[in-house]
Amino acid sequence: MLIQVSATGRDHTHVVKSAVRTLEILEYFDEIRCPANVVTVSEALGYPQSSTAALLRSMVTMGYLQYDARARTYLPTDRVSLLGSWISPPLFEDGALLRMMRAIQKRTGQLVLIGARNGDFAQYVHVLKQPEAVAHHIQTGMKRPLATSGVGHALLSALPDQDVRRLVHRLNAYAAEAGERVDIAELLPQLTRVRRRGYAFSKHRVVENYGMIAIKLPSELASRLLVIGIGGCVDTLQARESELVTVAREEMANYLANKGADSEGEFRLRLVSDQPAVALPQMQEAAG
């Protein structure tokens, strides 16, 4: 059953418009990874051209963008990349997380993303796109419901059942329609299954024929729980389920084994504990 989300997957309730636009401009540059002029940014984000120009000029003054007067284009400066380098150094200081994502994308040919909890939602905090794998638009900043998405289930699997019950009770209290209510009797067994096999696999949840395999990263590596997601067509993910999960775990061990642990062996034990190895016959059975 498809879940209902906004067209963009973004929630702009109770936010300051200028702050949202500033951050979305930075996210846009992170997506296109090349210089852009005022018109391009304005059309891509749906902002008035005059306010887009004013924002871009302000960001140049603040040192977050540089302006090429000859080409009339803007590009982020290194100040942007240095902003969050102090947060969760094991993952971000030397680029281990991004290098891990690129390695998974290269080996799988699928879309790869990092997700985290944002209130009652799972949010995509970084996305490496693969157009051949996912035709519909997925971008950094999009949100999905915690209780009805693959990344959300991976995040919720780290919580005790009583905490999940309290969360669902609150979600259901604010549900606008009966169809938005979460059946806790269905959700808890699904989370038990995620914990048992070490990953979540959502199918046809947001967009028909597309799905997500989501595996949580070891909790000691970051200030909040993060999830690695591999997205693509459901048929492809199902046929390659064992392979994709194995690739993700191998690259997590390759790039994160010496992060947040006294030794590689110690980390590998925790990695196996967090993401239990599953024999191929069991994994194939679980996929059904």
Protein backbone atom coordinates (compact mmCIF):
# COMPACT_ATOMS: atom_id res chain seq x y z
CA MET A 1 0.00 0.00 0.00
CA LEU A 2 1.35 3.42 -0.95
CA ILE A 3 1.70 6.00 1.80
CA GLN A 4 0.69 9.60 1.30
CA VAL A 5 3.48 12.19 1.33
CA SER A 6 3.88 15.67 -0.06
CA ALA A 7 5.04 16.04 -3.64
CA THR A 8 8.52 17.07 -2.50
CA GLY A 9 8.72 15.07 0.71
CA ARG A 10 9.53 18.31 2.52
CA ASP A 11 7.76 19.77 5.53
CA HIS A 12 7.97 23.57 5.69
CA THR A 13 5.50 24.03 8.54
CA HIS A 14 6.59 26.59 11.15
CA VAL A 15 9.86 27.55 9.45
CA VAL A 16 11.34 30.91 8.45
CA LYS A 17 11.17 31.18 4.66
CA SER A 18 14.51 32.95 4.24
CA ALA A 19 16.28 30.30 6.33
CA VAL A 20 14.71 27.50 4.31
CA ARG A 21 15.70 29.10 1.01
CA THR A 22 19.28 29.68 2.12
CA LEU A 23 19.74 26.08 3.13
CA GLU A 24 17.98 24.75 0.05
CA ILE A 25 20.35 26.75 -2.11
CA LEU A 26 23.29 24.99 -0.45
CA GLU A 27 21.54 21.63 -0.89
CA TYR A 28 20.91 22.45 -4.54
CA PHE A 29 24.60 23.11 -5.16
CA ASP A 30 25.43 19.88 -3.36
CA GLU A 31 23.13 18.12 -5.81
CA ILE A 32 24.35 19.67 -9.07
CA ARG A 33 28.04 20.07 -8.07
CA CYS A 34 28.78 22.83 -10.56
CA PRO A 35 28.45 26.62 -10.86
CA ALA A 36 24.98 28.04 -11.49
CA ASN A 37 23.57 31.46 -12.30
CA VAL A 38 20.63 33.26 -10.72
CA VAL A 39 18.11 32.12 -13.32
CA THR A 40 19.10 28.46 -13.00
CA VAL A 41 18.83 28.50 -9.21
CA SER A 42 15.56 30.46 -9.30
CA GLU A 43 13.90 28.07 -11.75
CA ALA A 44 15.21 24.91 -10.08
CA LEU A 45 13.94 25.90 -6.64
CA GLY A 46 10.87 27.85 -7.69
CA TYR A 47 11.93 31.11 -6.03
CA PRO A 48 11.31 34.63 -7.40
CA GLN A 49 14.38 35.70 -9.36
CA SER A 50 14.79 38.96 -7.41
CA SER A 51 14.85 37.30 -3.99
CA THR A 52 17.12 34.54 -5.33
CA ALA A 53 19.61 37.15 -6.51
CA ALA A 54 19.49 38.92 -3.13
CA LEU A 55 20.07 35.65 -1.26
CA LEU A 56 22.98 34.64 -3.47
CA ARG A 57 24.62 38.05 -3.04
CA SER A 58 24.18 37.81 0.74
CA MET A 59 25.79 34.37 0.78
CA VAL A 60 28.73 35.76 -1.19
CA THR A 61 29.14 38.55 1.37
CA MET A 62 29.07 35.98 4.17
CA GLY A 63 31.74 33.91 2.41
CA TYR A 64 29.62 30.83 1.71
CA LEU A 65 29.45 31.39 -2.05
CA GLN A 66 31.92 32.78 -4.55
CA TYR A 67 30.84 34.78 -7.58
CA ASP A 68 32.39 34.57 -11.05
CA ALA A 69 31.68 38.00 -12.55
CA ARG A 70 32.65 36.94 -16.06
CA ALA A 71 30.40 33.86 -16.16
CA ARG A 72 27.84 35.37 -13.75
CA THR A 73 27.72 32.13 -11.80
CA TYR A 74 27.90 31.16 -8.14
CA LEU A 75 29.64 28.24 -6.41
CA PRO A 76 29.99 27.27 -2.71
CA THR A 77 33.31 28.00 -1.01
CA ASP A 78 35.33 25.69 1.22
CA ARG A 79 33.74 27.42 4.21
CA VAL A 80 30.64 25.33 3.56
CA SER A 81 32.56 22.04 3.69
CA LEU A 82 34.24 23.04 6.95
CA LEU A 83 31.02 23.98 8.75
CA GLY A 84 30.21 20.60 10.26
CA SER A 85 33.58 18.90 10.26
CA TRP A 86 33.64 18.92 14.09
CA ILE A 87 30.42 16.88 14.32
CA SER A 88 30.96 13.10 14.56
CA PRO A 89 34.63 13.28 13.48
CA PRO A 90 34.95 9.50 13.00
CA LEU A 91 32.50 9.70 10.11
CA PHE A 92 33.05 13.11 8.58
CA GLU A 93 36.54 14.35 9.43
CA ASP A 94 38.34 12.33 6.75
CA GLY A 95 35.35 11.73 4.49
CA ALA A 96 34.91 8.08 5.51
CA LEU A 97 31.14 8.17 5.27
CA LEU A 98 31.01 9.69 1.79
CA ARG A 99 33.73 7.37 0.53
CA MET A 100 31.77 4.42 1.89
CA MET A 101 28.62 5.63 0.11
CA ARG A 102 30.47 6.00 -3.20
CA ALA A 103 31.96 2.51 -2.84
CA ILE A 104 28.50 1.01 -2.26
CA GLN A 105 27.07 2.93 -5.20
CA LYS A 106 29.89 1.82 -7.49
CA ARG A 107 29.48 -1.84 -6.58
CA THR A 108 25.69 -1.94 -6.64
CA GLY A 109 24.73 0.56 -9.33
CA GLN A 110 21.85 1.66 -7.11
CA LEU A 111 20.87 4.90 -5.40
CA VAL A 112 22.59 5.24 -2.01
CA LEU A 113 21.56 7.57 0.79
CA ILE A 114 22.08 8.34 4.45
CA GLY A 115 18.98 8.78 6.60
CA ALA A 116 18.42 10.02 10.14
CA ARG A 117 15.51 10.74 12.43
CA ASN A 118 14.04 14.23 12.38
CA GLY A 119 11.13 14.38 14.83
CA ASP A 120 8.45 11.96 13.65
CA PHE A 121 10.08 11.51 10.25
CA ALA A 122 13.01 9.76 8.64
CA GLN A 123 14.95 12.36 6.65
CA TYR A 124 17.40 11.82 3.81
CA VAL A 125 20.46 13.81 4.91
CA HIS A 126 22.63 12.92 1.92
CA VAL A 127 21.76 11.28 -1.41
CA LEU A 128 23.98 9.83 -4.13
CA LYS A 129 21.70 9.51 -7.13
CA GLN A 130 21.71 6.78 -9.73
CA PRO A 131 19.20 7.71 -12.46
CA GLU A 132 19.33 4.25 -13.99
CA ALA A 133 18.15 2.75 -10.69
CA VAL A 134 15.51 5.26 -9.54
CA ALA A 135 13.54 7.22 -12.11
CA HIS A 136 11.54 9.36 -9.67
CA HIS A 137 13.11 12.32 -7.92
CA ILE A 138 14.80 11.75 -4.57
CA GLN A 139 16.84 14.55 -3.01
CA THR A 140 18.61 15.54 0.16
CA GLY A 141 16.21 16.89 2.78
CA MET A 142 13.20 14.76 1.84
CA LYS A 143 11.25 13.22 4.71
CA ARG A 144 9.40 9.94 5.02
CA PRO A 145 7.12 8.78 7.87
CA LEU A 146 9.05 6.88 10.54
CA ALA A 147 6.47 4.13 10.94
CA THR A 148 5.84 3.38 7.26
CA SER A 149 9.19 3.69 5.47
CA GLY A 150 12.25 1.48 5.14
CA VAL A 151 14.68 4.01 6.63
CA GLY A 152 12.11 4.70 9.35
CA HIS A 153 11.85 1.03 10.26
CA ALA A 154 15.64 0.72 10.46
CA LEU A 155 15.69 3.70 12.84
CA LEU A 156 12.76 2.45 14.95
CA SER A 157 14.36 -1.00 15.27
CA ALA A 158 16.91 0.57 17.62
CA LEU A 159 14.16 1.55 20.08
CA PRO A 160 12.52 -0.66 22.72
CA ASP A 161 8.95 -1.70 21.92
CA GLN A 162 7.54 0.51 24.69
CA ASP A 163 9.14 3.59 23.11
CA VAL A 164 7.72 2.60 19.73
CA ARG A 165 4.27 2.23 21.30
CA ARG A 166 4.45 5.73 22.78
CA LEU A 167 5.58 7.17 19.46
CA VAL A 168 2.78 5.46 17.52
CA HIS A 169 0.22 6.57 20.11
CA ARG A 170 1.29 10.18 19.56
CA LEU A 171 1.31 9.81 15.77
CA ASN A 172 -2.16 8.32 15.76
CA ALA A 173 -3.47 11.08 18.03
CA TYR A 174 -2.49 13.66 15.41
CA ALA A 175 -3.51 11.64 12.34
CA ALA A 176 -5.83 13.70 10.16
CA GLU A 177 -7.50 10.67 8.58
CA ALA A 178 -8.14 7.09 9.62
CA GLY A 179 -5.93 5.87 6.77
CA GLU A 180 -2.95 7.66 8.30
CA ARG A 181 -3.16 5.76 11.57
CA VAL A 182 -0.45 3.19 12.28
CA ASP A 183 -1.44 -0.31 13.39
CA ILE A 184 0.93 -1.07 16.26
CA ALA A 185 -0.03 -4.76 16.10
CA GLU A 186 1.41 -4.88 12.57
CA LEU A 187 4.39 -2.59 13.18
CA LEU A 188 5.96 -4.36 16.17
CA PRO A 189 6.36 -7.75 14.40
CA GLN A 190 7.84 -5.92 11.41
CA LEU A 191 10.43 -4.29 13.68
CA THR A 192 11.20 -7.63 15.32
CA ARG A 193 11.91 -9.00 11.86
CA VAL A 194 14.20 -6.03 11.10
CA ARG A 195 16.15 -6.63 14.31
CA ARG A 196 16.46 -10.35 13.56
CA ARG A 197 17.88 -10.01 10.06
CA GLY A 198 19.68 -6.71 10.65
CA TYR A 199 18.06 -4.55 7.97
CA ALA A 200 14.73 -3.22 6.74
CA PHE A 201 13.34 -3.81 3.26
CA SER A 202 10.42 -1.61 2.19
CA LYS A 203 8.56 -2.20 -1.08
CA HIS A 204 6.03 -0.04 -2.92
CA ARG A 205 5.74 2.24 0.12
CA VAL A 206 6.14 5.73 -1.34
CA VAL A 207 6.33 5.13 -5.09
CA GLU A 208 4.91 2.04 -6.81
CA ASN A 209 7.58 -0.45 -7.96
CA TYR A 210 10.36 1.19 -5.92
CA GLY A 211 11.85 0.15 -2.60
CA MET A 212 14.64 0.61 -0.09
CA ILE A 213 17.01 -1.65 1.82
CA ALA A 214 18.09 0.16 4.99
CA ILE A 215 20.82 -0.80 7.46
CA LYS A 216 21.66 1.23 10.56
CA LEU A 217 25.24 2.28 11.15
CA PRO A 218 26.91 1.44 14.49
CA SER A 219 25.49 3.90 17.01
CA GLU A 220 28.84 4.82 18.60
CA LEU A 221 30.08 6.51 15.43
CA ALA A 222 27.79 9.54 15.36
CA SER A 223 25.89 11.93 17.60
CA ARG A 224 22.61 10.45 16.32
CA LEU A 225 21.67 7.16 14.72
CA LEU A 226 22.29 7.05 10.98
CA VAL A 227 21.02 4.58 8.38
CA ILE A 228 22.52 3.65 5.02
CA GLY A 229 19.85 3.08 2.37
CA ILE A 230 20.07 1.37 -1.02
CA GLY A 231 17.15 2.30 -3.28
CA GLY A 232 15.94 1.02 -6.63
CA CYS A 233 13.27 -0.96 -8.44
CA VAL A 234 11.65 -3.58 -6.21
CA ASP A 235 12.32 -6.39 -8.69
CA THR A 236 16.03 -5.51 -8.77
CA LEU A 237 16.32 -5.19 -5.00
CA GLN A 238 14.54 -8.51 -4.44
CA ALA A 239 16.67 -10.37 -6.97
CA ARG A 240 19.89 -8.94 -5.51
CA GLU A 241 18.85 -8.68 -1.84
CA SER A 242 21.56 -10.94 -0.41
CA GLU A 243 24.25 -9.32 -2.57
CA LEU A 244 23.23 -5.73 -1.75
CA VAL A 245 23.15 -6.35 2.00
CA THR A 246 26.53 -8.07 1.84
CA VAL A 247 28.06 -5.20 -0.14
CA ALA A 248 26.76 -2.63 2.34
CA ARG A 249 28.15 -4.56 5.30
CA GLU A 250 31.49 -5.14 3.62
CA GLU A 251 31.96 -1.45 2.81
CA MET A 252 30.85 -0.45 6.31
CA ALA A 253 33.59 -2.68 7.67
CA ASN A 254 36.12 -1.42 5.09
CA TYR A 255 35.58 2.29 5.77
CA LEU A 256 34.39 2.37 9.37
CA ALA A 257 36.32 -0.50 10.98
CA ASN A 258 38.91 1.77 12.59
CA LYS A 259 36.38 4.41 13.65
CA GLY A 260 35.24 4.68 17.25
CA ALA A 261 36.96 1.47 18.36
CA ASP A 262 40.20 0.48 20.01
CA SER A 263 40.88 -2.08 17.33
CA GLU A 264 39.50 -3.32 14.07
CA GLY A 265 38.55 -6.60 15.66
CA GLU A 266 36.54 -4.90 18.38
CA PHE A 267 34.60 -2.87 15.81
CA ARG A 268 33.92 -5.90 13.65
CA LEU A 269 32.40 -7.67 16.64
CA ARG A 270 30.11 -4.72 17.29
CA LEU A 271 29.30 -4.46 13.59
CA VAL A 272 28.25 -8.10 13.49
CA SER A 273 26.25 -7.57 16.67
CA ASP A 274 24.45 -4.53 15.25
CA GLN A 275 24.01 -6.02 11.78
CA PRO A 276 23.78 -9.80 12.25
CA ALA A 277 25.05 -11.97 9.43
CA VAL A 278 22.21 -13.89 7.84
CA ALA A 279 22.66 -17.09 5.88
CA LEU A 280 21.43 -16.95 2.31
CA PRO A 281 18.54 -19.43 2.74
CA GLN A 282 17.17 -17.49 5.71
CA MET A 283 17.54 -14.20 3.89
CA GLN A 284 15.67 -15.47 0.87
CA GLU A 285 12.87 -16.71 3.11
CA ALA A 286 12.70 -13.37 4.92
CA ALA A 287 12.37 -11.51 1.65
CA GLY A 288 9.11 -13.18 0.86
